[in-house]
């Protein structure tokens, strides 16, 4: 079965460099094994990375055992839907790539909120 994005179309890959996704396949695919729902493709900002660190999730430090090189501002990454929503509530949510954000994100975040943070081509 083909995964769909929040716009109802086929899910587009988020990033191959860094290699993202719960399954490290470049896509924000999900299933029952993905307890964190890594479904929102975002272009992380330094403000978001700093926020994530303050709430206990260091996304900047490399962790080779998990095939994770650490993120820097400008990288695209499949974020946990709840973390993105927390950042949204705190006013520091990073821009979102709607075409690469899995439809399951709508279980956690309103489409209008995602659209308000949609990445534009100039970003």
PDB file of N, CA and C in Angstrom:
ATOM      1  N   UNK A   1       0.837  -1.183   0.000  1.00  0.00           N
ATOM      2  CA  UNK A   1       0.000   0.000   0.000  1.00  0.00           C
ATOM      3  C   UNK A   1       0.883   1.249   0.000  1.00  0.00           C
ATOM      4  N   UNK A   2       0.580   2.176  -0.860  1.00  0.00           N
ATOM      5  CA  UNK A   2       1.377   3.389  -0.990  1.00  0.00           C
ATOM      6  C   UNK A   2       1.054   4.371   0.132  1.00  0.00           C
ATOM      7  N   UNK A   3       2.099   4.926   0.735  1.00  0.00           N
ATOM      8  CA  UNK A   3       1.919   5.924   1.785  1.00  0.00           C
ATOM      9  C   UNK A   3       1.476   7.241   1.160  1.00  0.00           C
ATOM     10  N   UNK A   4       0.592   7.948   1.863  1.00  0.00           N
ATOM     11  CA  UNK A   4       0.091   9.229   1.390  1.00  0.00           C
ATOM     12  C   UNK A   4       0.585  10.369   2.279  1.00  0.00           C
ATOM     13  N   UNK A   5       0.671  11.555   1.679  1.00  0.00           N
ATOM     14  CA  UNK A   5       1.046  12.739   2.447  1.00  0.00           C
ATOM     15  C   UNK A   5      -0.213  13.457   2.936  1.00  0.00           C
ATOM     16  N   UNK A   6      -0.027  14.561   3.659  1.00  0.00           N
ATOM     17  CA  UNK A   6      -1.148  15.302   4.232  1.00  0.00           C
ATOM     18  C   UNK A   6      -2.029  15.964   3.177  1.00  0.00           C
ATOM     19  N   UNK A   7      -1.562  16.000   1.935  1.00  0.00           N
ATOM     20  CA  UNK A   7      -2.335  16.581   0.840  1.00  0.00           C
ATOM     21  C   UNK A   7      -3.121  15.518   0.082  1.00  0.00           C
ATOM     22  N   UNK A   8      -2.961  14.240   0.497  1.00  0.00           N
ATOM     23  CA  UNK A   8      -3.683  13.140  -0.130  1.00  0.00           C
ATOM     24  C   UNK A   8      -3.003  12.547  -1.349  1.00  0.00           C
ATOM     25  N   UNK A   9      -1.790  12.981  -1.631  1.00  0.00           N
ATOM     26  CA  UNK A   9      -1.021  12.464  -2.764  1.00  0.00           C
ATOM     27  C   UNK A   9       0.054  11.496  -2.257  1.00  0.00           C
ATOM     28  N   UNK A  10       0.772  10.896  -3.187  1.00  0.00           N
ATOM     29  CA  UNK A  10       1.856   9.976  -2.812  1.00  0.00           C
ATOM     30  C   UNK A  10       2.904  10.704  -1.973  1.00  0.00           C
ATOM     31  N   UNK A  11       3.367  10.027  -0.928  1.00  0.00           N
ATOM     32  CA  UNK A  11       4.398  10.579  -0.054  1.00  0.00           C
ATOM     33  C   UNK A  11       5.717  10.710  -0.815  1.00  0.00           C
ATOM     34  N   UNK A  12       6.312  11.887  -0.758  1.00  0.00           N
ATOM     35  CA  UNK A  12       7.572  12.194  -1.434  1.00  0.00           C
ATOM     36  C   UNK A  12       8.702  12.071  -0.417  1.00  0.00           C
ATOM     37  N   UNK A  13       9.880  11.570  -0.790  1.00  0.00           N
ATOM     38  CA  UNK A  13      10.995  11.486   0.158  1.00  0.00           C
ATOM     39  C   UNK A  13      11.306  12.843   0.795  1.00  0.00           C
ATOM     40  N   UNK A  14      11.759  12.788   2.033  1.00  0.00           N
ATOM     41  CA  UNK A  14      12.096  13.994   2.803  1.00  0.00           C
ATOM     42  C   UNK A  14      13.574  14.349   2.649  1.00  0.00           C
ATOM     43  N   UNK A  15      14.468  13.390   2.924  1.00  0.00           N
ATOM     44  CA  UNK A  15      15.902  13.664   2.825  1.00  0.00           C
ATOM     45  C   UNK A  15      16.703  12.374   2.773  1.00  0.00           C
ATOM     46  N   UNK A  16      17.688  12.386   1.870  1.00  0.00           N
ATOM     47  CA  UNK A  16      18.653  11.289   1.820  1.00  0.00           C
ATOM     48  C   UNK A  16      19.983  11.716   2.420  1.00  0.00           C
ATOM     49  N   UNK A  17      20.163  13.012   2.649  1.00  0.00           N
ATOM     50  CA  UNK A  17      21.398  13.532   3.235  1.00  0.00           C
ATOM     51  C   UNK A  17      21.090  14.759   4.079  1.00  0.00           C
ATOM     52  N   UNK A  18      20.898  14.575   5.404  1.00  0.00           N
ATOM     53  CA  UNK A  18      21.074  13.315   6.128  1.00  0.00           C
ATOM     54  C   UNK A  18      19.938  12.338   5.841  1.00  0.00           C
ATOM     55  N   UNK A  19      20.267  11.064   5.966  1.00  0.00           N
ATOM     56  CA  UNK A  19      19.286  10.005   5.729  1.00  0.00           C
ATOM     57  C   UNK A  19      18.299   9.973   6.890  1.00  0.00           C
ATOM     58  N   UNK A  20      17.053  10.269   6.591  1.00  0.00           N
ATOM     59  CA  UNK A  20      16.039  10.412   7.637  1.00  0.00           C
ATOM     60  C   UNK A  20      14.990   9.312   7.553  1.00  0.00           C
ATOM     61  N   UNK A  21      14.022   9.393   8.429  1.00  0.00           N
ATOM     62  CA  UNK A  21      12.908   8.459   8.497  1.00  0.00           C
ATOM     63  C   UNK A  21      13.111   7.433   9.586  1.00  0.00           C
ATOM     64  N   UNK A  22      12.025   6.980  10.156  1.00  0.00           N
ATOM     65  CA  UNK A  22      12.089   5.962  11.204  1.00  0.00           C
ATOM     66  C   UNK A  22      12.863   4.745  10.712  1.00  0.00           C
ATOM     67  N   UNK A  23      12.692   4.419   9.432  1.00  0.00           N
ATOM     68  CA  UNK A  23      13.391   3.277   8.847  1.00  0.00           C
ATOM     69  C   UNK A  23      14.654   3.683   8.097  1.00  0.00           C
ATOM     70  N   UNK A  24      15.058   4.939   8.238  1.00  0.00           N
ATOM     71  CA  UNK A  24      16.253   5.483   7.560  1.00  0.00           C
ATOM     72  C   UNK A  24      16.229   5.133   6.069  1.00  0.00           C
ATOM     73  N   UNK A  25      15.076   5.449   5.463  1.00  0.00           N
ATOM     74  CA  UNK A  25      14.911   5.218   4.033  1.00  0.00           C
ATOM     75  C   UNK A  25      14.668   6.514   3.271  1.00  0.00           C
ATOM     76  N   UNK A  26      14.809   7.643   3.968  1.00  0.00           N
ATOM     77  CA  UNK A  26      14.620   8.943   3.342  1.00  0.00           C
ATOM     78  C   UNK A  26      13.199   9.463   3.395  1.00  0.00           C
ATOM     79  N   UNK A  27      12.262   8.627   3.842  1.00  0.00           N
ATOM     80  CA  UNK A  27      10.845   9.001   3.865  1.00  0.00           C
ATOM     81  C   UNK A  27      10.284   9.001   5.287  1.00  0.00           C
ATOM     82  N   UNK A  28       9.249   9.792   5.482  1.00  0.00           N
ATOM     83  CA  UNK A  28       8.589   9.869   6.789  1.00  0.00           C
ATOM     84  C   UNK A  28       7.464   8.839   6.880  1.00  0.00           C
ATOM     85  N   UNK A  29       7.789   7.592   6.516  1.00  0.00           N
ATOM     86  CA  UNK A  29       6.830   6.490   6.610  1.00  0.00           C
ATOM     87  C   UNK A  29       6.676   6.093   8.070  1.00  0.00           C
ATOM     88  N   UNK A  30       5.574   5.449   8.390  1.00  0.00           N
ATOM     89  CA  UNK A  30       5.324   5.039   9.759  1.00  0.00           C
ATOM     90  C   UNK A  30       4.532   3.739   9.779  1.00  0.00           C
ATOM     91  N   UNK A  31       4.552   3.092  10.916  1.00  0.00           N
ATOM     92  CA  UNK A  31       3.723   1.917  11.162  1.00  0.00           C
ATOM     93  C   UNK A  31       3.666   1.715  12.670  1.00  0.00           C
ATOM     94  N   UNK A  32       3.151   0.598  13.105  1.00  0.00           N
ATOM     95  CA  UNK A  32       2.957   0.339  14.531  1.00  0.00           C
ATOM     96  C   UNK A  32       4.271   0.315  15.325  1.00  0.00           C
ATOM     97  N   UNK A  33       5.398   0.067  14.659  1.00  0.00           N
ATOM     98  CA  UNK A  33       6.694   0.026  15.345  1.00  0.00           C
ATOM     99  C   UNK A  33       7.229   1.426  15.667  1.00  0.00           C
ATOM    100  N   UNK A  34       6.715   2.440  14.998  1.00  0.00           N
ATOM    101  CA  UNK A  34       7.169   3.824  15.155  1.00  0.00           C
ATOM    102  C   UNK A  34       6.369   4.518  16.261  1.00  0.00           C
ATOM    103  N   UNK A  35       6.731   4.234  17.499  1.00  0.00           N
ATOM    104  CA  UNK A  35       6.005   4.794  18.645  1.00  0.00           C
ATOM    105  C   UNK A  35       6.057   6.317  18.685  1.00  0.00           C
ATOM    106  N   UNK A  36       7.098   6.912  18.116  1.00  0.00           N
ATOM    107  CA  UNK A  36       7.238   8.363  18.134  1.00  0.00           C
ATOM    108  C   UNK A  36       6.544   9.063  16.993  1.00  0.00           C
ATOM    109  N   UNK A  37       5.990   8.322  16.052  1.00  0.00           N
ATOM    110  CA  UNK A  37       5.330   8.903  14.880  1.00  0.00           C
ATOM    111  C   UNK A  37       6.200   9.957  14.208  1.00  0.00           C
ATOM    112  N   UNK A  38       7.304   9.513  13.621  1.00  0.00           N
ATOM    113  CA  UNK A  38       8.263  10.373  12.913  1.00  0.00           C
ATOM    114  C   UNK A  38       7.708  10.690  11.524  1.00  0.00           C
ATOM    115  N   UNK A  39       6.698  11.542  11.467  1.00  0.00           N
ATOM    116  CA  UNK A  39       5.914  11.706  10.251  1.00  0.00           C
ATOM    117  C   UNK A  39       5.924  13.112   9.644  1.00  0.00           C
ATOM    118  N   UNK A  40       6.512  14.083  10.325  1.00  0.00           N
ATOM    119  CA  UNK A  40       6.524  15.453   9.807  1.00  0.00           C
ATOM    120  C   UNK A  40       7.898  15.778   9.240  1.00  0.00           C
ATOM    121  N   UNK A  41       7.941  16.022   7.932  1.00  0.00           N
ATOM    122  CA  UNK A  41       9.187  16.403   7.279  1.00  0.00           C
ATOM    123  C   UNK A  41       9.380  17.903   7.475  1.00  0.00           C
ATOM    124  N   UNK A  42      10.429  18.253   8.193  1.00  0.00           N
ATOM    125  CA  UNK A  42      10.697  19.660   8.488  1.00  0.00           C
ATOM    126  C   UNK A  42      12.115  20.039   8.087  1.00  0.00           C
ATOM    127  N   UNK A  43      12.283  21.300   7.786  1.00  0.00           N
ATOM    128  CA  UNK A  43      13.609  21.871   7.564  1.00  0.00           C
ATOM    129  C   UNK A  43      13.976  22.523   8.889  1.00  0.00           C
ATOM    130  N   UNK A  44      14.821  21.842   9.661  1.00  0.00           N
ATOM    131  CA  UNK A  44      15.078  22.295  11.033  1.00  0.00           C
ATOM    132  C   UNK A  44      15.808  23.640  11.060  1.00  0.00           C
ATOM    133  N   UNK A  45      15.480  24.392  12.080  1.00  0.00           N
ATOM    134  CA  UNK A  45      16.118  25.685  12.326  1.00  0.00           C
ATOM    135  C   UNK A  45      16.941  25.579  13.601  1.00  0.00           C
ATOM    136  N   UNK A  46      17.873  26.496  13.786  1.00  0.00           N
ATOM    137  CA  UNK A  46      18.655  26.491  15.023  1.00  0.00           C
ATOM    138  C   UNK A  46      17.747  26.718  16.229  1.00  0.00           C
ATOM    139  N   UNK A  47      16.759  27.561  16.059  1.00  0.00           N
ATOM    140  CA  UNK A  47      15.802  27.832  17.140  1.00  0.00           C
ATOM    141  C   UNK A  47      15.082  26.551  17.553  1.00  0.00           C
ATOM    142  N   UNK A  48      14.683  25.749  16.576  1.00  0.00           N
ATOM    143  CA  UNK A  48      14.027  24.486  16.894  1.00  0.00           C
ATOM    144  C   UNK A  48      15.001  23.511  17.559  1.00  0.00           C
ATOM    145  N   UNK A  49      16.231  23.408  17.034  1.00  0.00           N
ATOM    146  CA  UNK A  49      17.223  22.498  17.625  1.00  0.00           C
ATOM    147  C   UNK A  49      17.511  22.877  19.078  1.00  0.00           C
ATOM    148  N   UNK A  50      17.606  24.167  19.357  1.00  0.00           N
ATOM    149  CA  UNK A  50      17.822  24.633  20.737  1.00  0.00           C
ATOM    150  C   UNK A  50      16.635  24.266  21.616  1.00  0.00           C
ATOM    151  N   UNK A  51      15.424  24.464  21.102  1.00  0.00           N
ATOM    152  CA  UNK A  51      14.211  24.112  21.843  1.00  0.00           C
ATOM    153  C   UNK A  51      14.185  22.616  22.133  1.00  0.00           C
ATOM    154  N   UNK A  52      14.463  21.808  21.131  1.00  0.00           N
ATOM    155  CA  UNK A  52      14.435  20.359  21.298  1.00  0.00           C
ATOM    156  C   UNK A  52      15.416  19.910  22.379  1.00  0.00           C
ATOM    157  N   UNK A  53      16.584  20.525  22.402  1.00  0.00           N
ATOM    158  CA  UNK A  53      17.570  20.203  23.437  1.00  0.00           C
ATOM    159  C   UNK A  53      17.033  20.528  24.827  1.00  0.00           C
ATOM    160  N   UNK A  54      16.355  21.664  24.971  1.00  0.00           N
ATOM    161  CA  UNK A  54      15.847  22.065  26.296  1.00  0.00           C
ATOM    162  C   UNK A  54      14.741  21.146  26.797  1.00  0.00           C
ATOM    163  N   UNK A  55      14.068  20.430  25.880  1.00  0.00           N
ATOM    164  CA  UNK A  55      13.014  19.503  26.301  1.00  0.00           C
ATOM    165  C   UNK A  55      13.489  18.054  26.269  1.00  0.00           C
ATOM    166  N   UNK A  56      14.806  17.865  26.218  1.00  0.00           N
ATOM    167  CA  UNK A  56      15.378  16.541  26.403  1.00  0.00           C
ATOM    168  C   UNK A  56      15.662  15.729  25.161  1.00  0.00           C
ATOM    169  N   UNK A  57      15.657  16.342  23.986  1.00  0.00           N
ATOM    170  CA  UNK A  57      15.941  15.591  22.767  1.00  0.00           C
ATOM    171  C   UNK A  57      17.039  16.305  21.983  1.00  0.00           C
ATOM    172  N   UNK A  58      18.263  15.882  22.194  1.00  0.00           N
ATOM    173  CA  UNK A  58      19.425  16.481  21.525  1.00  0.00           C
ATOM    174  C   UNK A  58      19.529  15.935  20.109  1.00  0.00           C
ATOM    175  N   UNK A  59      19.147  16.761  19.151  1.00  0.00           N
ATOM    176  CA  UNK A  59      19.193  16.347  17.749  1.00  0.00           C
ATOM    177  C   UNK A  59      20.463  16.811  17.045  1.00  0.00           C
ATOM    178  N   UNK A  60      21.319  17.528  17.760  1.00  0.00           N
ATOM    179  CA  UNK A  60      22.529  18.080  17.141  1.00  0.00           C
ATOM    180  C   UNK A  60      23.762  17.200  17.306  1.00  0.00           C
ATOM    181  N   UNK A  61      23.753  16.333  18.285  1.00  0.00           N
ATOM    182  CA  UNK A  61      24.909  15.492  18.573  1.00  0.00           C
ATOM    183  C   UNK A  61      24.870  14.194  17.777  1.00  0.00           C
ATOM    184  N   UNK A  62      25.994  13.861  17.169  1.00  0.00           N
ATOM    185  CA  UNK A  62      26.124  12.637  16.397  1.00  0.00           C
ATOM    186  C   UNK A  62      25.980  11.408  17.294  1.00  0.00           C
ATOM    187  N   UNK A  63      25.254  10.404  16.803  1.00  0.00           N
ATOM    188  CA  UNK A  63      25.093   9.123  17.496  1.00  0.00           C
ATOM    189  C   UNK A  63      25.233   8.009  16.459  1.00  0.00           C
ATOM    190  N   UNK A  64      26.490   7.649  16.135  1.00  0.00           N
ATOM    191  CA  UNK A  64      26.742   6.651  15.088  1.00  0.00           C
ATOM    192  C   UNK A  64      26.047   5.315  15.308  1.00  0.00           C
ATOM    193  N   UNK A  65      25.861   4.895  16.546  1.00  0.00           N
ATOM    194  CA  UNK A  65      25.209   3.613  16.823  1.00  0.00           C
ATOM    195  C   UNK A  65      23.784   3.571  16.275  1.00  0.00           C
ATOM    196  N   UNK A  66      23.188   4.756  16.114  1.00  0.00           N
ATOM    197  CA  UNK A  66      21.826   4.853  15.581  1.00  0.00           C
ATOM    198  C   UNK A  66      21.810   5.381  14.149  1.00  0.00           C
ATOM    199  N   UNK A  67      22.977   5.351  13.496  1.00  0.00           N
ATOM    200  CA  UNK A  67      23.118   5.877  12.134  1.00  0.00           C
ATOM    201  C   UNK A  67      22.617   7.325  12.063  1.00  0.00           C
ATOM    202  N   UNK A  68      23.025   8.112  13.073  1.00  0.00           N
ATOM    203  CA  UNK A  68      22.585   9.504  13.175  1.00  0.00           C
ATOM    204  C   UNK A  68      23.803  10.409  13.286  1.00  0.00           C
ATOM    205  N   UNK A  69      23.963  11.296  12.307  1.00  0.00           N
ATOM    206  CA  UNK A  69      25.148  12.154  12.270  1.00  0.00           C
ATOM    207  C   UNK A  69      24.967  13.482  12.992  1.00  0.00           C
ATOM    208  N   UNK A  70      23.789  13.732  13.529  1.00  0.00           N
ATOM    209  CA  UNK A  70      23.514  15.020  14.175  1.00  0.00           C
ATOM    210  C   UNK A  70      23.012  16.006  13.135  1.00  0.00           C
ATOM    211  N   UNK A  71      22.071  16.835  13.532  1.00  0.00           N
ATOM    212  CA  UNK A  71      21.475  17.789  12.604  1.00  0.00           C
ATOM    213  C   UNK A  71      22.051  19.181  12.777  1.00  0.00           C
ATOM    214  N   UNK A  72      21.979  19.946  11.691  1.00  0.00           N
ATOM    215  CA  UNK A  72      22.337  21.363  11.730  1.00  0.00           C
ATOM    216  C   UNK A  72      21.199  22.122  11.051  1.00  0.00           C
ATOM    217  N   UNK A  73      21.095  23.396  11.351  1.00  0.00           N
ATOM    218  CA  UNK A  73      20.048  24.219  10.744  1.00  0.00           C
ATOM    219  C   UNK A  73      20.092  24.067   9.226  1.00  0.00           C
ATOM    220  N   UNK A  74      18.913  23.896   8.636  1.00  0.00           N
ATOM    221  CA  UNK A  74      18.808  23.717   7.196  1.00  0.00           C
ATOM    222  C   UNK A  74      18.615  22.278   6.763  1.00  0.00           C
ATOM    223  N   UNK A  75      18.945  21.316   7.633  1.00  0.00           N
ATOM    224  CA  UNK A  75      18.730  19.905   7.304  1.00  0.00           C
ATOM    225  C   UNK A  75      17.237  19.604   7.316  1.00  0.00           C
ATOM    226  N   UNK A  76      16.843  18.681   6.451  1.00  0.00           N
ATOM    227  CA  UNK A  76      15.468  18.173   6.481  1.00  0.00           C
ATOM    228  C   UNK A  76      15.467  16.893   7.292  1.00  0.00           C
ATOM    229  N   UNK A  77      14.409  16.719   8.112  1.00  0.00           N
ATOM    230  CA  UNK A  77      14.361  15.581   9.013  1.00  0.00           C
ATOM    231  C   UNK A  77      12.920  15.207   9.305  1.00  0.00           C
ATOM    232  N   UNK A  78      12.660  13.923   9.461  1.00  0.00           N
ATOM    233  CA  UNK A  78      11.338  13.444   9.853  1.00  0.00           C
ATOM    234  C   UNK A  78      11.198  13.580  11.366  1.00  0.00           C
ATOM    235  N   UNK A  79      10.444  14.565  11.777  1.00  0.00           N
ATOM    236  CA  UNK A  79      10.263  14.833  13.204  1.00  0.00           C
ATOM    237  C   UNK A  79       9.078  14.070  13.767  1.00  0.00           C
ATOM    238  N   UNK A  80       9.151  13.802  15.069  1.00  0.00           N
ATOM    239  CA  UNK A  80       8.012  13.241  15.783  1.00  0.00           C
ATOM    240  C   UNK A  80       6.895  14.290  15.767  1.00  0.00           C
ATOM    241  N   UNK A  81       5.697  13.843  15.457  1.00  0.00           N
ATOM    242  CA  UNK A  81       4.570  14.767  15.358  1.00  0.00           C
ATOM    243  C   UNK A  81       4.326  15.505  16.664  1.00  0.00           C
ATOM    244  N   UNK A  82       4.444  14.825  17.780  1.00  0.00           N
ATOM    245  CA  UNK A  82       4.215  15.488  19.079  1.00  0.00           C
ATOM    246  C   UNK A  82       5.277  16.554  19.356  1.00  0.00           C
ATOM    247  N   UNK A  83       6.517  16.296  18.978  1.00  0.00           N
ATOM    248  CA  UNK A  83       7.592  17.278  19.201  1.00  0.00           C
ATOM    249  C   UNK A  83       7.358  18.517  18.344  1.00  0.00           C
ATOM    250  N   UNK A  84       6.971  18.308  17.073  1.00  0.00           N
ATOM    251  CA  UNK A  84       6.685  19.455  16.220  1.00  0.00           C
ATOM    252  C   UNK A  84       5.540  20.278  16.817  1.00  0.00           C
ATOM    253  N   UNK A  85       4.512  19.585  17.313  1.00  0.00           N
ATOM    254  CA  UNK A  85       3.372  20.287  17.908  1.00  0.00           C
ATOM    255  C   UNK A  85       3.791  21.059  19.154  1.00  0.00           C
ATOM    256  N   UNK A  86       4.650  20.468  19.976  1.00  0.00           N
ATOM    257  CA  UNK A  86       5.177  21.197  21.154  1.00  0.00           C
ATOM    258  C   UNK A  86       5.919  22.458  20.718  1.00  0.00           C
ATOM    259  N   UNK A  87       6.732  22.323  19.680  1.00  0.00           N
ATOM    260  CA  UNK A  87       7.474  23.478  19.163  1.00  0.00           C
ATOM    261  C   UNK A  87       6.507  24.521  18.598  1.00  0.00           C
ATOM    262  N   UNK A  88       5.458  24.064  17.942  1.00  0.00           N
ATOM    263  CA  UNK A  88       4.432  24.970  17.421  1.00  0.00           C
ATOM    264  C   UNK A  88       3.812  25.765  18.568  1.00  0.00           C
ATOM    265  N   UNK A  89       3.448  25.070  19.630  1.00  0.00           N
ATOM    266  CA  UNK A  89       2.842  25.740  20.781  1.00  0.00           C
ATOM    267  C   UNK A  89       3.806  26.721  21.439  1.00  0.00           C
ATOM    268  N   UNK A  90       5.112  26.439  21.351  1.00  0.00           N
ATOM    269  CA  UNK A  90       6.130  27.315  21.935  1.00  0.00           C
ATOM    270  C   UNK A  90       6.566  28.424  20.970  1.00  0.00           C
ATOM    271  N   UNK A  91       6.028  28.404  19.746  1.00  0.00           N
ATOM    272  CA  UNK A  91       6.360  29.438  18.770  1.00  0.00           C
ATOM    273  C   UNK A  91       7.682  29.232  18.046  1.00  0.00           C
ATOM    274  N   UNK A  92       8.202  27.989  18.049  1.00  0.00           N
ATOM    275  CA  UNK A  92       9.502  27.729  17.414  1.00  0.00           C
ATOM    276  C   UNK A  92       9.449  26.554  16.427  1.00  0.00           C
ATOM    277  N   UNK A  93       8.273  26.277  15.899  1.00  0.00           N
ATOM    278  CA  UNK A  93       8.146  25.154  14.952  1.00  0.00           C
ATOM    279  C   UNK A  93       8.906  25.459  13.671  1.00  0.00           C
ATOM    280  N   UNK A  94       9.633  24.474  13.153  1.00  0.00           N
ATOM    281  CA  UNK A  94      10.352  24.671  11.892  1.00  0.00           C
ATOM    282  C   UNK A  94       9.408  24.534  10.697  1.00  0.00           C
ATOM    283  N   UNK A  95       9.817  25.042   9.532  1.00  0.00           N
ATOM    284  CA  UNK A  95       9.016  24.895   8.323  1.00  0.00           C
ATOM    285  C   UNK A  95       8.815  23.420   7.961  1.00  0.00           C
ATOM    286  N   UNK A  96       7.699  23.148   7.297  1.00  0.00           N
ATOM    287  CA  UNK A  96       7.273  21.790   6.970  1.00  0.00           C
ATOM    288  C   UNK A  96       7.218  21.595   5.448  1.00  0.00           C
ATOM    289  N   UNK A  97       7.631  20.414   5.012  1.00  0.00           N
ATOM    290  CA  UNK A  97       7.503  20.028   3.609  1.00  0.00           C
ATOM    291  C   UNK A  97       6.234  19.175   3.527  1.00  0.00           C
ATOM    292  N   UNK A  98       5.146  19.780   3.087  1.00  0.00           N
ATOM    293  CA  UNK A  98       3.848  19.096   3.086  1.00  0.00           C
ATOM    294  C   UNK A  98       3.851  17.836   2.244  1.00  0.00           C
ATOM    295  N   UNK A  99       4.486  17.873   1.090  1.00  0.00           N
ATOM    296  CA  UNK A  99       4.505  16.721   0.188  1.00  0.00           C
ATOM    297  C   UNK A  99       5.228  15.520   0.790  1.00  0.00           C
ATOM    298  N   UNK A 100       6.083  15.779   1.782  1.00  0.00           N
ATOM    299  CA  UNK A 100       6.884  14.722   2.415  1.00  0.00           C
ATOM    300  C   UNK A 100       6.421  14.408   3.832  1.00  0.00           C
ATOM    301  N   UNK A 101       5.314  15.016   4.247  1.00  0.00           N
ATOM    302  CA  UNK A 101       4.763  14.789   5.582  1.00  0.00           C
ATOM    303  C   UNK A 101       3.636  13.766   5.484  1.00  0.00           C
ATOM    304  N   UNK A 102       3.798  12.671   6.212  1.00  0.00           N
ATOM    305  CA  UNK A 102       2.858  11.546   6.168  1.00  0.00           C
ATOM    306  C   UNK A 102       1.475  11.974   6.675  1.00  0.00           C
ATOM    307  N   UNK A 103       0.440  11.411   6.074  1.00  0.00           N
ATOM    308  CA  UNK A 103      -0.928  11.746   6.467  1.00  0.00           C
ATOM    309  C   UNK A 103      -1.216  11.472   7.945  1.00  0.00           C
ATOM    310  N   UNK A 104      -0.461  10.602   8.558  1.00  0.00           N
ATOM    311  CA  UNK A 104      -0.659  10.298   9.990  1.00  0.00           C
ATOM    312  C   UNK A 104      -0.398  11.532  10.855  1.00  0.00           C
ATOM    313  N   UNK A 105       0.335  12.517  10.348  1.00  0.00           N
ATOM    314  CA  UNK A 105       0.579  13.750  11.098  1.00  0.00           C
ATOM    315  C   UNK A 105      -0.731  14.421  11.482  1.00  0.00           C
ATOM    316  N   UNK A 106      -1.756  14.211  10.674  1.00  0.00           N
ATOM    317  CA  UNK A 106      -3.053  14.843  10.935  1.00  0.00           C
ATOM    318  C   UNK A 106      -3.738  14.272  12.170  1.00  0.00           C
ATOM    319  N   UNK A 107      -3.240  13.162  12.700  1.00  0.00           N
ATOM    320  CA  UNK A 107      -3.741  12.627  13.970  1.00  0.00           C
ATOM    321  C   UNK A 107      -3.267  13.477  15.144  1.00  0.00           C
ATOM    322  N   UNK A 108      -2.246  14.306  14.908  1.00  0.00           N
ATOM    323  CA  UNK A 108      -1.616  15.068  15.978  1.00  0.00           C
ATOM    324  C   UNK A 108      -1.681  16.582  15.776  1.00  0.00           C
ATOM    325  N   UNK A 109      -1.714  17.002  14.514  1.00  0.00           N
ATOM    326  CA  UNK A 109      -1.616  18.417  14.168  1.00  0.00           C
ATOM    327  C   UNK A 109      -2.666  18.747  13.108  1.00  0.00           C
ATOM    328  N   UNK A 110      -3.318  19.898  13.251  1.00  0.00           N
ATOM    329  CA  UNK A 110      -4.304  20.334  12.265  1.00  0.00           C
ATOM    330  C   UNK A 110      -3.608  20.701  10.950  1.00  0.00           C
ATOM    331  N   UNK A 111      -4.246  20.349   9.843  1.00  0.00           N
ATOM    332  CA  UNK A 111      -3.689  20.661   8.533  1.00  0.00           C
ATOM    333  C   UNK A 111      -3.411  22.154   8.390  1.00  0.00           C
ATOM    334  N   UNK A 112      -4.308  22.992   8.924  1.00  0.00           N
ATOM    335  CA  UNK A 112      -4.085  24.440   8.799  1.00  0.00           C
ATOM    336  C   UNK A 112      -2.805  24.892   9.491  1.00  0.00           C
ATOM    337  N   UNK A 113      -2.441  24.236  10.590  1.00  0.00           N
ATOM    338  CA  UNK A 113      -1.187  24.580  11.282  1.00  0.00           C
ATOM    339  C   UNK A 113       0.012  24.180  10.431  1.00  0.00           C
ATOM    340  N   UNK A 114      -0.059  23.001   9.839  1.00  0.00           N
ATOM    341  CA  UNK A 114       1.029  22.561   8.957  1.00  0.00           C
ATOM    342  C   UNK A 114       1.132  23.489   7.743  1.00  0.00           C
ATOM    343  N   UNK A 115      -0.003  23.844   7.177  1.00  0.00           N
ATOM    344  CA  UNK A 115       0.001  24.728   6.013  1.00  0.00           C
ATOM    345  C   UNK A 115       0.578  26.100   6.354  1.00  0.00           C
ATOM    346  N   UNK A 116       0.319  26.580   7.568  1.00  0.00           N
ATOM    347  CA  UNK A 116       0.848  27.888   7.981  1.00  0.00           C
ATOM    348  C   UNK A 116       2.369  27.876   8.048  1.00  0.00           C
ATOM    349  N   UNK A 117       2.959  26.693   8.224  1.00  0.00           N
ATOM    350  CA  UNK A 117       4.415  26.554   8.318  1.00  0.00           C
ATOM    351  C   UNK A 117       5.007  25.876   7.084  1.00  0.00           C
ATOM    352  N   UNK A 118       4.209  25.784   6.025  1.00  0.00           N
ATOM    353  CA  UNK A 118       4.651  25.089   4.814  1.00  0.00           C
ATOM    354  C   UNK A 118       5.890  25.759   4.222  1.00  0.00           C
ATOM    355  N   UNK A 119       6.842  24.931   3.874  1.00  0.00           N
ATOM    356  CA  UNK A 119       8.067  25.392   3.251  1.00  0.00           C
ATOM    357  C   UNK A 119       7.750  25.920   1.864  1.00  0.00           C
ATOM    358  N   UNK A 120       8.240  27.112   1.595  1.00  0.00           N
ATOM    359  CA  UNK A 120       8.058  27.680   0.265  1.00  0.00           C
ATOM    360  C   UNK A 120       9.303  27.386  -0.558  1.00  0.00           C
ATOM    361  N   UNK A 121       9.183  27.490  -1.850  1.00  0.00           N
ATOM    362  CA  UNK A 121      10.317  27.185  -2.737  1.00  0.00           C
ATOM    363  C   UNK A 121      11.523  28.077  -2.465  1.00  0.00           C
ATOM    364  N   UNK A 122      11.302  29.286  -1.936  1.00  0.00           N
ATOM    365  CA  UNK A 122      12.432  30.182  -1.665  1.00  0.00           C
ATOM    366  C   UNK A 122      13.185  29.798  -0.395  1.00  0.00           C
ATOM    367  N   UNK A 123      12.605  28.913   0.396  1.00  0.00           N
ATOM    368  CA  UNK A 123      13.248  28.491   1.634  1.00  0.00           C
ATOM    369  C   UNK A 123      14.138  27.325   1.323  1.00  0.00           C
TER     370      UNK A 123
END
